[in-house]
Structures are given as C-alpha cells and as structure tokens.
C-alpha atoms as a PDB file:
ATOM      1  CA  MET A   1    -100.462 117.279 132.217  1.00  0.00           C
ATOM      2  CA  LEU A   2    -100.965 114.408 129.902  1.00  0.00           C
ATOM      3  CA  ASN A   3    -101.382 111.813 132.653  1.00  0.00           C
ATOM      4  CA  TRP A   4    -103.881 113.880 134.456  1.00  0.00           C
ATOM      5  CA  ILE A   5    -106.037 114.513 131.138  1.00  0.00           C
ATOM      6  CA  LEU A   6    -105.566 110.592 130.767  1.00  0.00           C
ATOM      7  CA  LEU A   7    -106.815 110.159 134.339  1.00  0.00           C
ATOM      8  CA  LEU A   8    -109.699 112.221 133.872  1.00  0.00           C
ATOM      9  CA  ILE A   9    -110.584 110.395 130.556  1.00  0.00           C
ATOM     10  CA  ALA A  10    -110.414 107.080 132.503  1.00  0.00           C
ATOM     11  CA  LEU A  11    -112.702 108.333 135.109  1.00  0.00           C
ATOM     12  CA  GLY A  12    -115.026 109.289 132.470  1.00  0.00           C
ATOM     13  CA  ILE A  13    -115.070 105.930 130.883  1.00  0.00           C
ATOM     14  CA  ILE A  14    -115.752 104.328 134.242  1.00  0.00           C
ATOM     15  CA  LEU A  15    -118.603 106.580 135.027  1.00  0.00           C
ATOM     16  CA  LEU A  16    -120.108 105.872 131.595  1.00  0.00           C
ATOM     17  CA  GLY A  17    -119.602 102.358 132.078  1.00  0.00           C
ATOM     18  CA  ALA A  18    -121.219 102.284 135.493  1.00  0.00           C
ATOM     19  CA  THR A  19    -124.252 104.401 134.334  1.00  0.00           C
ATOM     20  CA  VAL A  20    -125.004 102.059 131.476  1.00  0.00           C
ATOM     21  CA  PHE A  21    -124.449  99.030 133.786  1.00  0.00           C
ATOM     22  CA  THR A  22    -126.789 100.544 136.424  1.00  0.00           C
ATOM     23  CA  ASN A  23    -129.428 101.131 133.937  1.00  0.00           C
ATOM     24  CA  GLY A  24    -129.291  97.557 132.600  1.00  0.00           C
ATOM     25  CA  LEU A  25    -129.541  96.153 136.042  1.00  0.00           C
ATOM     26  CA  GLU A  26    -132.658  98.315 136.983  1.00  0.00           C
ATOM     27  CA  TRP A  27    -134.296  97.054 134.010  1.00  0.00           C
ATOM     28  CA  PHE A  28    -133.442  93.452 135.034  1.00  0.00           C
ATOM     29  CA  GLY A  29    -134.976  94.216 138.386  1.00  0.00           C
ATOM     30  CA  LYS A  30    -138.190  95.388 136.592  1.00  0.00           C
ATOM     31  CA  LYS A  31    -138.396  92.328 134.368  1.00  0.00           C
ATOM     32  CA  MET A  32    -138.093  90.153 137.350  1.00  0.00           C
ATOM     33  CA  LYS A  33    -140.809  92.102 139.088  1.00  0.00           C
ATOM     34  CA  LEU A  34    -138.713  92.871 142.154  1.00  0.00           C
ATOM     35  CA  SER A  35    -139.402  95.343 145.017  1.00  0.00           C
ATOM     36  CA  ASP A  36    -137.673  98.752 145.131  1.00  0.00           C
ATOM     37  CA  GLY A  37    -135.861  97.690 148.387  1.00  0.00           C
ATOM     38  CA  ALA A  38    -134.371  94.764 146.251  1.00  0.00           C
ATOM     39  CA  VAL A  39    -133.525  96.897 143.397  1.00  0.00           C
ATOM     40  CA  GLY A  40    -132.098  99.735 145.229  1.00  0.00           C
ATOM     41  CA  SER A  41    -130.216  97.508 147.860  1.00  0.00           C
ATOM     42  CA  ILE A  42    -128.874  94.864 145.507  1.00  0.00           C
ATOM     43  CA  PHE A  43    -129.073  95.608 141.714  1.00  0.00           C
ATOM     44  CA  ALA A  44    -128.534  99.337 141.704  1.00  0.00           C
ATOM     45  CA  ALA A  45    -126.097  98.959 144.719  1.00  0.00           C
ATOM     46  CA  VAL A  46    -123.990  96.346 142.978  1.00  0.00           C
ATOM     47  CA  GLY A  47    -124.179  98.057 139.581  1.00  0.00           C
ATOM     48  CA  THR A  48    -122.932 101.354 140.899  1.00  0.00           C
ATOM     49  CA  ALA A  49    -120.322  99.527 143.082  1.00  0.00           C
ATOM     50  CA  LEU A  50    -118.765  97.576 140.376  1.00  0.00           C
ATOM     51  CA  PRO A  51    -116.292 100.344 139.480  1.00  0.00           C
ATOM     52  CA  GLU A  52    -114.671 100.326 142.847  1.00  0.00           C
ATOM     53  CA  THR A  53    -114.728  96.522 142.573  1.00  0.00           C
ATOM     54  CA  LEU A  54    -112.718  96.393 139.441  1.00  0.00           C
ATOM     55  CA  VAL A  55    -110.510  99.173 140.316  1.00  0.00           C
ATOM     56  CA  PRO A  56    -108.577  97.292 143.120  1.00  0.00           C
ATOM     57  CA  ILE A  57    -108.704  93.954 141.111  1.00  0.00           C
ATOM     58  CA  VAL A  58    -107.064  95.694 138.139  1.00  0.00           C
ATOM     59  CA  ALA A  59    -104.536  97.409 140.498  1.00  0.00           C
ATOM     60  CA  ILE A  60    -103.539  94.312 142.401  1.00  0.00           C
ATOM     61  CA  MET A  61    -103.391  92.077 139.150  1.00  0.00           C
ATOM     62  CA  PHE A  62    -101.793  94.571 136.754  1.00  0.00           C
ATOM     63  CA  GLY A  63     -99.846  97.211 138.816  1.00  0.00           C
ATOM     64  CA  THR A  64     -96.425  96.983 140.358  1.00  0.00           C
ATOM     65  CA  PRO A  65     -96.382  94.593 143.234  1.00  0.00           C
ATOM     66  CA  GLU A  66     -96.025  97.551 145.868  1.00  0.00           C
ATOM     67  CA  ALA A  67     -97.940 100.482 144.182  1.00  0.00           C
ATOM     68  CA  GLY A  68    -100.690  98.013 142.887  1.00  0.00           C
ATOM     69  CA  HIS A  69    -101.356  96.498 146.356  1.00  0.00           C
ATOM     70  CA  LYS A  70    -101.541 100.222 147.899  1.00  0.00           C
ATOM     71  CA  ILE A  71    -103.904 101.301 145.298  1.00  0.00           C
ATOM     72  CA  GLY A  72    -106.093  98.197 145.631  1.00  0.00           C
ATOM     73  CA  VAL A  73    -106.328  98.481 149.500  1.00  0.00           C
ATOM     74  CA  GLY A  74    -106.776 102.252 149.243  1.00  0.00           C
ATOM     75  CA  ALA A  75    -109.856 101.829 146.774  1.00  0.00           C
ATOM     76  CA  ILE A  76    -111.301  99.052 148.909  1.00  0.00           C
ATOM     77  CA  ILE A  77    -111.120 101.054 152.191  1.00  0.00           C
ATOM     78  CA  GLY A  78    -111.879 104.283 150.623  1.00  0.00           C
ATOM     79  CA  ALA A  79    -115.225 103.234 149.044  1.00  0.00           C
ATOM     80  CA  PRO A  80    -117.407 102.468 152.154  1.00  0.00           C
ATOM     81  CA  PHE A  81    -115.780 105.430 153.841  1.00  0.00           C
ATOM     82  CA  MET A  82    -116.839 107.839 151.056  1.00  0.00           C
ATOM     83  CA  LEU A  83    -120.194 106.310 150.943  1.00  0.00           C
ATOM     84  CA  GLY A  84    -120.842 106.125 154.745  1.00  0.00           C
ATOM     85  CA  THR A  85    -119.819 109.905 155.049  1.00  0.00           C
ATOM     86  CA  LEU A  86    -119.967 111.967 151.964  1.00  0.00           C
ATOM     87  CA  ALA A  87    -122.607 110.129 150.037  1.00  0.00           C
ATOM     88  CA  LEU A  88    -124.893 110.189 153.056  1.00  0.00           C
ATOM     89  CA  PHE A  89    -124.206 113.713 153.542  1.00  0.00           C
ATOM     90  CA  ILE A  90    -125.313 114.563 149.923  1.00  0.00           C
ATOM     91  CA  SER A  91    -128.287 112.536 150.405  1.00  0.00           C
ATOM     92  CA  GLY A  92    -129.278 114.480 153.591  1.00  0.00           C
ATOM     93  CA  LEU A  93    -128.541 117.727 151.810  1.00  0.00           C
ATOM     94  CA  ALA A  94    -130.765 116.823 148.929  1.00  0.00           C
ATOM     95  CA  VAL A  95    -133.776 115.977 151.199  1.00  0.00           C
ATOM     96  CA  ILE A  96    -133.236 119.479 152.903  1.00  0.00           C
ATOM     97  CA  LEU A  97    -133.229 121.152 149.400  1.00  0.00           C
ATOM     98  CA  ASN A  98    -136.388 119.303 148.410  1.00  0.00           C
ATOM     99  CA  ARG A  99    -138.040 120.143 151.927  1.00  0.00           C
ATOM    100  CA  LYS A 100    -140.831 122.335 150.186  1.00  0.00           C
ATOM    101  CA  LYS A 101    -141.950 119.226 148.240  1.00  0.00           C
ATOM    102  CA  ARG A 102    -142.399 117.007 151.378  1.00  0.00           C
ATOM    103  CA  ASP A 103    -145.445 117.530 153.807  1.00  0.00           C
ATOM    104  CA  ASP A 104    -143.650 115.029 156.153  1.00  0.00           C
ATOM    105  CA  TYR A 105    -140.350 116.769 156.352  1.00  0.00           C
ATOM    106  CA  PRO A 106    -138.037 116.223 158.161  1.00  0.00           C
ATOM    107  CA  ILE A 107    -138.928 112.523 158.330  1.00  0.00           C
ATOM    108  CA  MET A 108    -137.510 110.751 155.441  1.00  0.00           C
ATOM    109  CA  ARG A 109    -139.628 108.376 153.497  1.00  0.00           C
ATOM    110  CA  VAL A 110    -137.507 105.167 154.088  1.00  0.00           C
ATOM    111  CA  ASP A 111    -138.352 101.746 154.950  1.00  0.00           C
ATOM    112  CA  THR A 112    -136.731 101.286 158.139  1.00  0.00           C
ATOM    113  CA  THR A 113    -136.791  97.604 158.054  1.00  0.00           C
ATOM    114  CA  VAL A 114    -134.753  97.773 154.727  1.00  0.00           C
ATOM    115  CA  MET A 115    -132.490 100.327 156.076  1.00  0.00           C
ATOM    116  CA  ARG A 116    -131.966  98.701 159.304  1.00  0.00           C
ATOM    117  CA  ARG A 117    -131.101  95.367 157.752  1.00  0.00           C
ATOM    118  CA  ASP A 118    -128.605  96.974 155.345  1.00  0.00           C
ATOM    119  CA  MET A 119    -126.748  98.775 158.120  1.00  0.00           C
ATOM    120  CA  GLU A 120    -126.707  95.848 160.495  1.00  0.00           C
ATOM    121  CA  TYR A 121    -125.014  93.482 157.765  1.00  0.00           C
ATOM    122  CA  PHE A 122    -122.561  96.385 156.911  1.00  0.00           C
ATOM    123  CA  LEU A 123    -121.513  97.060 160.478  1.00  0.00           C
ATOM    124  CA  ILE A 124    -121.090  93.213 161.248  1.00  0.00           C
ATOM    125  CA  LEU A 125    -119.440  92.017 158.070  1.00  0.00           C
ATOM    126  CA  TYR A 126    -117.079  95.258 157.903  1.00  0.00           C
ATOM    127  CA  THR A 127    -116.121  94.535 161.519  1.00  0.00           C
ATOM    128  CA  ILE A 128    -115.029  91.062 160.485  1.00  0.00           C
ATOM    129  CA  ALA A 129    -113.264  92.262 157.560  1.00  0.00           C
ATOM    130  CA  ILE A 130    -111.101  94.824 159.402  1.00  0.00           C
ATOM    131  CA  ALA A 131    -110.545  92.309 162.238  1.00  0.00           C
ATOM    132  CA  ALA A 132    -108.942  89.965 159.632  1.00  0.00           C
ATOM    133  CA  SER A 133    -106.062  92.643 159.362  1.00  0.00           C
ATOM    134  CA  PHE A 134    -104.858  92.073 163.094  1.00  0.00           C
ATOM    135  CA  LEU A 135    -105.233  88.144 162.848  1.00  0.00           C
ATOM    136  CA  GLY A 136    -102.058  87.522 160.894  1.00  0.00           C
ATOM    137  CA  GLY A 137    -101.428  86.613 157.331  1.00  0.00           C
ATOM    138  CA  HIS A 138    -101.867  82.778 157.496  1.00  0.00           C
ATOM    139  CA  PRO A 139    -103.535  81.742 154.303  1.00  0.00           C
ATOM    140  CA  VAL A 140    -106.157  79.283 155.754  1.00  0.00           C
ATOM    141  CA  ILE A 141    -107.400  82.049 158.298  1.00  0.00           C
ATOM    142  CA  LYS A 142    -107.474  84.703 155.370  1.00  0.00           C
ATOM    143  CA  THR A 143    -109.243  82.358 153.136  1.00  0.00           C
ATOM    144  CA  PHE A 144    -111.839  81.209 155.941  1.00  0.00           C
ATOM    145  CA  ILE A 145    -112.607  84.838 156.782  1.00  0.00           C
ATOM    146  CA  ALA A 146    -113.010  85.761 153.061  1.00  0.00           C
ATOM    147  CA  MET A 147    -115.151  82.844 152.206  1.00  0.00           C
ATOM    148  CA  SER A 148    -117.356  83.717 155.313  1.00  0.00           C
ATOM    149  CA  LEU A 149    -117.914  87.266 154.133  1.00  0.00           C
ATOM    150  CA  ILE A 150    -118.792  86.042 150.616  1.00  0.00           C
ATOM    151  CA  LEU A 151    -121.348  83.497 152.017  1.00  0.00           C
ATOM    152  CA  ALA A 152    -122.758  86.117 154.360  1.00  0.00           C
ATOM    153  CA  TYR A 153    -123.388  88.517 151.354  1.00  0.00           C
ATOM    154  CA  GLY A 154    -125.340  85.611 149.659  1.00  0.00           C
ATOM    155  CA  ALA A 155    -127.441  85.348 152.658  1.00  0.00           C
ATOM    156  CA  TYR A 156    -128.001  88.993 152.554  1.00  0.00           C
ATOM    157  CA  VAL A 157    -129.142  88.872 149.155  1.00  0.00           C
ATOM    158  CA  LEU A 158    -131.652  86.001 149.582  1.00  0.00           C
ATOM    159  CA  LYS A 159    -133.044  87.699 152.551  1.00  0.00           C
ATOM    160  CA  THR A 160    -133.585  91.038 150.574  1.00  0.00           C
ATOM    161  CA  LEU A 161    -135.058  89.253 147.618  1.00  0.00           C
ATOM    162  CA  LYS A 162    -137.652  87.559 149.820  1.00  0.00           C
ATOM    163  CA  GLY A 163    -138.488  90.945 151.129  1.00  0.00           C
ATOM    164  CA  GLY A 164    -137.192  90.605 154.508  1.00  0.00           C
ATOM    165  CA  GLY A 165    -140.602  91.102 156.055  1.00  0.00           C
ATOM    166  CA  GLU A 166    -140.826  94.838 155.147  1.00  0.00           C
ATOM    167  CA  PRO A 167    -144.449  95.880 154.678  1.00  0.00           C
ATOM    168  CA  GLU A 168    -145.939  97.160 151.433  1.00  0.00           C
ATOM    169  CA  ALA A 169    -142.922  96.435 149.385  1.00  0.00           C
ATOM    170  CA  HIS A 170    -143.955  97.251 145.820  1.00  0.00           C
ATOM    171  CA  GLU A 171    -142.391  96.882 142.396  1.00  0.00           C
ATOM    172  CA  ILE A 172    -140.230  99.440 140.871  1.00  0.00           C
ATOM    173  CA  GLU A 173    -142.075 101.467 138.203  1.00  0.00           C
ATOM    174  CA  GLU A 174    -141.061 102.164 134.735  1.00  0.00           C
ATOM    175  CA  SER A 175    -141.255 106.003 135.419  1.00  0.00           C
ATOM    176  CA  GLU A 176    -138.430 105.543 138.090  1.00  0.00           C
ATOM    177  CA  ILE A 177    -135.849 104.545 135.676  1.00  0.00           C
ATOM    178  CA  ASP A 178    -134.441 105.793 132.410  1.00  0.00           C
ATOM    179  CA  PRO A 179    -135.352 103.985 128.974  1.00  0.00           C
ATOM    180  CA  CYS A 180    -133.085 101.064 128.419  1.00  0.00           C
ATOM    181  CA  TYR A 181    -130.032 102.395 126.642  1.00  0.00           C
ATOM    182  CA  PHE A 182    -129.710  99.657 124.119  1.00  0.00           C
ATOM    183  CA  ALA A 183    -133.517  99.942 123.355  1.00  0.00           C
ATOM    184  CA  PRO A 184    -134.398 103.465 124.055  1.00  0.00           C
ATOM    185  CA  LYS A 185    -137.902 103.148 122.181  1.00  0.00           C
ATOM    186  CA  SER A 186    -138.830  99.845 123.821  1.00  0.00           C
ATOM    187  CA  HIS A 187    -141.118  99.742 126.931  1.00  0.00           C
ATOM    188  CA  ASP A 188    -140.288  96.052 127.331  1.00  0.00           C
ATOM    189  CA  PRO A 189    -136.594  95.347 126.108  1.00  0.00           C
ATOM    190  CA  LYS A 190    -135.742  91.706 125.624  1.00  0.00           C
ATOM    191  CA  MET A 191    -133.646  90.132 128.271  1.00  0.00           C
ATOM    192  CA  PHE A 192    -130.895  89.475 125.625  1.00  0.00           C
ATOM    193  CA  ILE A 193    -130.694  93.199 124.985  1.00  0.00           C
ATOM    194  CA  ILE A 194    -130.417  93.853 128.756  1.00  0.00           C
ATOM    195  CA  ALA A 195    -127.746  91.295 129.070  1.00  0.00           C
ATOM    196  CA  SER A 196    -125.665  92.745 126.130  1.00  0.00           C
ATOM    197  CA  GLN A 197    -125.821  96.176 127.594  1.00  0.00           C
ATOM    198  CA  VAL A 198    -124.674  94.892 131.087  1.00  0.00           C
ATOM    199  CA  PHE A 199    -121.698  93.056 129.333  1.00  0.00           C
ATOM    200  CA  SER A 200    -120.660  95.867 127.132  1.00  0.00           C
ATOM    201  CA  ALA A 201    -120.731  98.268 130.261  1.00  0.00           C
ATOM    202  CA  LEU A 202    -118.640  95.829 132.043  1.00  0.00           C
ATOM    203  CA  LEU A 203    -115.947  95.905 129.423  1.00  0.00           C
ATOM    204  CA  LEU A 204    -115.979  99.902 129.503  1.00  0.00           C
ATOM    205  CA  ILE A 205    -115.392  99.678 133.194  1.00  0.00           C
ATOM    206  CA  VAL A 206    -112.572  97.216 133.021  1.00  0.00           C
ATOM    207  CA  TRP A 207    -110.976  99.281 130.268  1.00  0.00           C
ATOM    208  CA  GLY A 208    -111.261 102.622 132.357  1.00  0.00           C
ATOM    209  CA  SER A 209    -109.973 100.864 135.507  1.00  0.00           C
ATOM    210  CA  TYR A 210    -106.889  99.618 133.741  1.00  0.00           C
ATOM    211  CA  ILE A 211    -106.052 103.271 132.433  1.00  0.00           C
ATOM    212  CA  PHE A 212    -106.883 104.765 135.790  1.00  0.00           C
ATOM    213  CA  VAL A 213    -104.484 102.375 137.737  1.00  0.00           C
ATOM    214  CA  GLU A 214    -101.594 102.954 135.234  1.00  0.00           C
ATOM    215  CA  LYS A 215    -101.922 106.822 135.732  1.00  0.00           C
ATOM    216  CA  VAL A 216    -102.409 106.867 139.405  1.00  0.00           C
ATOM    217  CA  GLN A 217     -99.093 105.074 139.628  1.00  0.00           C
ATOM    218  CA  ILE A 218     -97.440 107.424 137.565  1.00  0.00           C
ATOM    219  CA  ILE A 219     -98.896 110.537 139.049  1.00  0.00           C
ATOM    220  CA  SER A 220     -98.106 109.547 142.686  1.00  0.00           C
ATOM    221  CA  LEU A 221     -94.459 109.137 141.806  1.00  0.00           C
ATOM    222  CA  GLN A 222     -94.418 112.532 140.146  1.00  0.00           C
ATOM    223  CA  MET A 223     -96.106 114.152 143.192  1.00  0.00           C
ATOM    224  CA  GLY A 224     -94.447 112.062 145.919  1.00  0.00           C
ATOM    225  CA  LEU A 225     -97.694 110.996 147.338  1.00  0.00           C
ATOM    226  CA  SER A 226     -98.375 107.543 148.471  1.00  0.00           C
ATOM    227  CA  PRO A 227    -100.474 105.646 146.049  1.00  0.00           C
ATOM    228  CA  PHE A 228    -102.570 104.366 148.848  1.00  0.00           C
ATOM    229  CA  ILE A 229    -103.694 108.035 149.695  1.00  0.00           C
ATOM    230  CA  LEU A 230    -104.281 109.034 146.216  1.00  0.00           C
ATOM    231  CA  ALA A 231    -106.284 105.923 145.460  1.00  0.00           C
ATOM    232  CA  MET A 232    -108.243 106.343 148.675  1.00  0.00           C
ATOM    233  CA  ILE A 233    -109.381 109.746 147.922  1.00  0.00           C
ATOM    234  CA  ILE A 234    -109.786 110.023 144.238  1.00  0.00           C
ATOM    235  CA  ALA A 235    -110.925 106.431 143.169  1.00  0.00           C
ATOM    236  CA  PRO A 236    -113.966 106.183 145.534  1.00  0.00           C
ATOM    237  CA  ILE A 237    -115.146 109.792 144.711  1.00  0.00           C
ATOM    238  CA  ALA A 238    -115.079 109.171 141.098  1.00  0.00           C
ATOM    239  CA  THR A 239    -116.408 105.625 141.123  1.00  0.00           C
ATOM    240  CA  GLU A 240    -119.139 106.469 143.536  1.00  0.00           C
ATOM    241  CA  LEU A 241    -120.670 109.155 141.411  1.00  0.00           C
ATOM    242  CA  PRO A 242    -123.364 106.839 140.174  1.00  0.00           C
ATOM    243  CA  GLU A 243    -124.579 106.209 143.660  1.00  0.00           C
ATOM    244  CA  LYS A 244    -124.825 109.973 144.664  1.00  0.00           C
ATOM    245  CA  PHE A 245    -126.480 110.847 141.129  1.00  0.00           C
ATOM    246  CA  ASN A 246    -128.967 108.132 141.674  1.00  0.00           C
ATOM    247  CA  SER A 247    -129.675 108.902 145.047  1.00  0.00           C
ATOM    248  CA  VAL A 248    -130.187 112.676 144.489  1.00  0.00           C
ATOM    249  CA  ILE A 249    -132.496 111.901 141.726  1.00  0.00           C
ATOM    250  CA  TRP A 250    -134.593 109.306 143.666  1.00  0.00           C
ATOM    251  CA  ILE A 251    -134.747 111.691 146.688  1.00  0.00           C
ATOM    252  CA  GLY A 252    -136.170 114.331 144.398  1.00  0.00           C
ATOM    253  CA  LYS A 253    -138.973 111.942 143.398  1.00  0.00           C
ATOM    254  CA  GLY A 254    -139.483 111.128 147.258  1.00  0.00           C
ATOM    255  CA  LYS A 255    -138.235 107.561 146.708  1.00  0.00           C
ATOM    256  CA  ASP A 256    -136.028 107.631 149.715  1.00  0.00           C
ATOM    257  CA  THR A 257    -135.983 103.981 150.076  1.00  0.00           C
ATOM    258  CA  LEU A 258    -134.389 103.593 146.692  1.00  0.00           C
ATOM    259  CA  ALA A 259    -132.045 106.505 147.342  1.00  0.00           C
ATOM    260  CA  ILE A 260    -130.505 105.325 150.634  1.00  0.00           C
ATOM    261  CA  GLY A 261    -130.951 101.773 150.018  1.00  0.00           C
ATOM    262  CA  ASN A 262    -128.699 102.386 146.934  1.00  0.00           C
ATOM    263  CA  ILE A 263    -126.005 103.606 149.197  1.00  0.00           C
ATOM    264  CA  THR A 264    -126.383 101.169 152.105  1.00  0.00           C
ATOM    265  CA  GLY A 265    -126.625  98.146 149.704  1.00  0.00           C
ATOM    266  CA  ALA A 266    -123.529  99.191 148.193  1.00  0.00           C
ATOM    267  CA  MET A 267    -121.772  99.352 151.386  1.00  0.00           C
ATOM    268  CA  VAL A 268    -122.880  95.826 152.250  1.00  0.00           C
ATOM    269  CA  PHE A 269    -121.371  94.736 149.091  1.00  0.00           C
ATOM    270  CA  GLN A 270    -118.171  96.689 149.771  1.00  0.00           C
ATOM    271  CA  GLY A 271    -117.923  95.458 153.371  1.00  0.00           C
ATOM    272  CA  SER A 272    -118.172  91.943 152.319  1.00  0.00           C
ATOM    273  CA  ILE A 273    -117.365  90.855 148.623  1.00  0.00           C
ATOM    274  CA  ILE A 274    -114.836  93.634 148.016  1.00  0.00           C
ATOM    275  CA  THR A 275    -112.983  93.325 151.324  1.00  0.00           C
ATOM    276  CA  ALA A 276    -113.025  89.501 150.749  1.00  0.00           C
ATOM    277  CA  ILE A 277    -111.017  90.182 147.536  1.00  0.00           C
ATOM    278  CA  GLY A 278    -108.580  92.339 149.317  1.00  0.00           C
ATOM    279  CA  ILE A 279    -108.090  89.814 152.281  1.00  0.00           C
ATOM    280  CA  MET A 280    -107.277  87.129 149.595  1.00  0.00           C
ATOM    281  CA  MET A 281    -105.256  88.962 147.103  1.00  0.00           C
ATOM    282  CA  THR A 282    -103.244  91.275 149.337  1.00  0.00           C
ATOM    283  CA  GLU A 283    -101.440  91.073 152.696  1.00  0.00           C
ATOM    284  CA  TRP A 284    -104.298  93.071 154.171  1.00  0.00           C
ATOM    285  CA  GLN A 285    -102.337  95.142 156.515  1.00  0.00           C
ATOM    286  CA  LEU A 286    -104.048  98.381 157.283  1.00  0.00           C
ATOM    287  CA  ASN A 287    -102.007 101.541 158.174  1.00  0.00           C
ATOM    288  CA  THR A 288    -103.142 104.430 160.405  1.00  0.00           C
ATOM    289  CA  ALA A 289    -104.870 106.400 157.582  1.00  0.00           C
ATOM    290  CA  ALA A 290    -106.859 103.162 156.625  1.00  0.00           C
ATOM    291  CA  LEU A 291    -107.777 102.505 160.237  1.00  0.00           C
ATOM    292  CA  LEU A 292    -108.922 106.204 160.618  1.00  0.00           C
ATOM    293  CA  THR A 293    -111.387 105.977 157.699  1.00  0.00           C
ATOM    294  CA  VAL A 294    -112.666 102.820 159.176  1.00  0.00           C
ATOM    295  CA  ALA A 295    -113.369 104.638 162.419  1.00  0.00           C
ATOM    296  CA  LEU A 296    -115.132 107.637 160.830  1.00  0.00           C
ATOM    297  CA  THR A 297    -117.095 105.254 158.615  1.00  0.00           C
ATOM    298  CA  PHE A 298    -118.510 103.461 161.781  1.00  0.00           C
ATOM    299  CA  ALA A 299    -119.258 106.757 163.571  1.00  0.00           C
ATOM    300  CA  SER A 300    -121.299 108.127 160.532  1.00  0.00           C
ATOM    301  CA  VAL A 301    -123.166 104.889 159.756  1.00  0.00           C
ATOM    302  CA  GLY A 302    -123.629 104.224 163.491  1.00  0.00           C
ATOM    303  CA  LEU A 303    -125.524 107.703 164.020  1.00  0.00           C
ATOM    304  CA  ALA A 304    -127.929 106.792 161.421  1.00  0.00           C
ATOM    305  CA  TYR A 305    -128.388 103.219 162.573  1.00  0.00           C
ATOM    306  CA  LEU A 306    -129.035 104.332 166.158  1.00  0.00           C
ATOM    307  CA  GLN A 307    -131.577 106.878 165.004  1.00  0.00           C
ATOM    308  CA  ILE A 308    -133.434 104.203 162.941  1.00  0.00           C
ATOM    309  CA  ARG A 309    -133.060 101.640 165.713  1.00  0.00           C
ATOM    310  CA  ILE A 310    -134.312 103.921 168.591  1.00  0.00           C
ATOM    311  CA  LYS A 311    -136.679 106.240 166.838  1.00  0.00           C
ATOM    312  CA  ASN A 312    -137.732 103.888 163.842  1.00  0.00           C
ATOM    313  CA  ARG A 313    -137.143 106.949 161.539  1.00  0.00           C
ATOM    314  CA  LEU A 314    -134.450 108.810 159.613  1.00  0.00           C
ATOM    315  CA  THR A 315    -133.985 112.470 159.437  1.00  0.00           C
ATOM    316  CA  PRO A 316    -131.445 114.633 157.049  1.00  0.00           C
ATOM    317  CA  GLY A 317    -129.705 116.215 159.960  1.00  0.00           C
ATOM    318  CA  THR A 318    -128.249 112.837 161.020  1.00  0.00           C
ATOM    319  CA  LEU A 319    -126.835 112.189 157.485  1.00  0.00           C
ATOM    320  CA  LEU A 320    -125.272 115.614 157.454  1.00  0.00           C
ATOM    321  CA  ALA A 321    -122.823 114.307 160.107  1.00  0.00           C
ATOM    322  CA  GLY A 322    -121.075 112.278 157.519  1.00  0.00           C
ATOM    323  CA  GLY A 323    -119.960 115.417 155.729  1.00  0.00           C
ATOM    324  CA  VAL A 324    -118.209 116.503 159.102  1.00  0.00           C
ATOM    325  CA  PHE A 325    -116.497 113.255 159.338  1.00  0.00           C
ATOM    326  CA  TYR A 326    -115.297 113.294 155.638  1.00  0.00           C
ATOM    327  CA  ALA A 327    -113.968 116.810 155.991  1.00  0.00           C
ATOM    328  CA  ALA A 328    -112.203 115.988 159.202  1.00  0.00           C
ATOM    329  CA  PHE A 329    -110.191 113.169 157.453  1.00  0.00           C
ATOM    330  CA  LEU A 330    -109.314 115.560 154.390  1.00  0.00           C
ATOM    331  CA  VAL A 331    -107.867 118.116 156.967  1.00  0.00           C
ATOM    332  CA  LEU A 332    -105.799 115.468 158.685  1.00  0.00           C
ATOM    333  CA  ILE A 333    -104.457 114.096 155.505  1.00  0.00           C
ATOM    334  CA  PHE A 334    -103.592 117.373 153.810  1.00  0.00           C
ATOM    335  CA  THR A 335    -101.984 118.814 156.968  1.00  0.00           C
ATOM    336  CA  GLY A 336     -99.820 115.969 157.478  1.00  0.00           C
ATOM    337  CA  LYS A 337    -101.291 114.575 160.735  1.00  0.00           C
ATOM    338  CA  ILE A 338    -101.498 111.084 159.500  1.00  0.00           C
END
C-alpha cells in the first residue's frame, strides 16, 4: 500500500511540475509574440510532453537493466498512443459538451494548415522510428536514424515558428493563459523570472520521475505484471494530464487550434525526439503489445488526418473514434489476448 501511495505522490509531483513548466513556456511564447499555432504546437506541447520524456530517461539510466528498459520503452510507446486515441477522444467529447456555445458546430475551429502539418510530420517520423526496430541493432544505423529524427523535428520547429503559411495567425492573448506562477501580480514578468520558473519545474519533474520509476519496478514485481505494460498504461495517462486539461479549457474558450495543436504538437515531439532517445539508449525491440498500440495510434490519427486532408475540416465525431481504439487495447490487455 505504501508503494502505491508513493506512486500517486510521484505522479502528483510530475503533474505539478508539468503544470508550472507549461505556464512558464506559455509566458515565454507571449513575451516572444508568437502565434497561437506556435505556442500550442511547440511550447505548450513540449512543456506538457516533458514528463513523458524524462520518465523513460530516468528509467533507462537509473532503473535495473531489464526492468528499466521495459519501463522506458513502455513510456515512450505509450505516450503517442494515449494522445492519439484517448486525448483526441476527450477533446472531441469536450467539443460536443460545449456545442451550445458554438454557432458553427459540429465544425471545429481549427487551423487546418497547422493540424495537417503536425499530423503529417508525426505520421512520417513515427513510421521511421518504428521501422528502426526492424532494421537490426547496429549502432551506426541506430545513430543515423535517431539523428535524422532529431534534425527533422528541428525543421518542424522552424517551419512552425515561421508560420508555415497559415492565414491569420495571431499572437496568444494574456487572457488565454494563467498568470505567471512566480509573478502572479505581474502582467509582464521579466524573462529571468520565467526562466527560473521553468528550471524549478524541471527539477520537480525529474524528482517525481525518479520516484515513479522506482515504485513501478517494485509494484510490477509484486503484482506479477510486466513493467512494460504497467508503464505503458500508467505513465502516459498521468504524464499526459496537462495536455488533456489544457485542451479541454481551450476548447471551452473556442480556441480549438491551441487545444488540438497542443496534442498534435506533443505527438510530433514524441514521435521524433523521445523515440530517438529510445533508439539510442535501448535495444529498441518492440513486442506485440507495442506494435498493436502503434497500429491503433496510426488508425486514430489517420482518420482525423484524412478528414482534414479530404474535407479541409475537423469534426468531434472523428475524434471520438480514438476512445474506441483505446478501449479495445485495454480489453485485449486485461483479457490476456496480448
């Protein structure tokens, strides 16, 4: 029981750190006068993706050789799966619940240029990352693929910061973000205060991740479960809470580009940077459960991408399919089918 309590405390520390980190990055975006697409797809996305980045790194570096790598790979694969299915489902549900405030319902107020770009980058980079698991473990090949993914993400960031051609991109307004936590009464906090907040939040996330990995290893042994399965289910749900909370809030305000961009931007980050870490730091051999989550992720994201590509719009009904895919995976796991 104590280990479960400490696990929950660790998740709370990670969530607190992620919330403070995201707030700091959003204020950084405002100070730099960046568009909502850039803030949602890069700064908010990277900020809320930080916990699931650090959990596998801490697991691989400080966990036991076998369990640590399983926890790391489970967290890496589980994060885009959870975002591409459950998080999109929750976003679609939030739109439906707010339909009375929307004259244009069911069409979502997303910048389809931003969404299409994010999804295309994710689908391509994640395909390359998964293909790396079938190309053998030669260090030269793994390093080449990992560095290619990192460089590709850099290109994505540059394209997003430049605006990528989307029309009427506007700067994020102060009313769209909470006051800076380290200067709650200031309407224009200094960059040093913002940087201090981001660094402090980073320390919180690292500390929480260390406790989390330690307790997952202990609990998985006690329950007779694979650390990979436990990490793939628990870690992403906990560490992705900021994306879901932010997206639901933004959808309630009619800021769908920020809401969905927060999710799709995090998926690009996870499909490139985080998988690059996994490729370089582990054997990167994916089992049946991992490959199933990959297939379900592609199916869910692919449906949304096709609607945007073909009809140049996004509706909540398409996003609800993600919940079906996520539920199907849980049924297969807990019935012992995989």
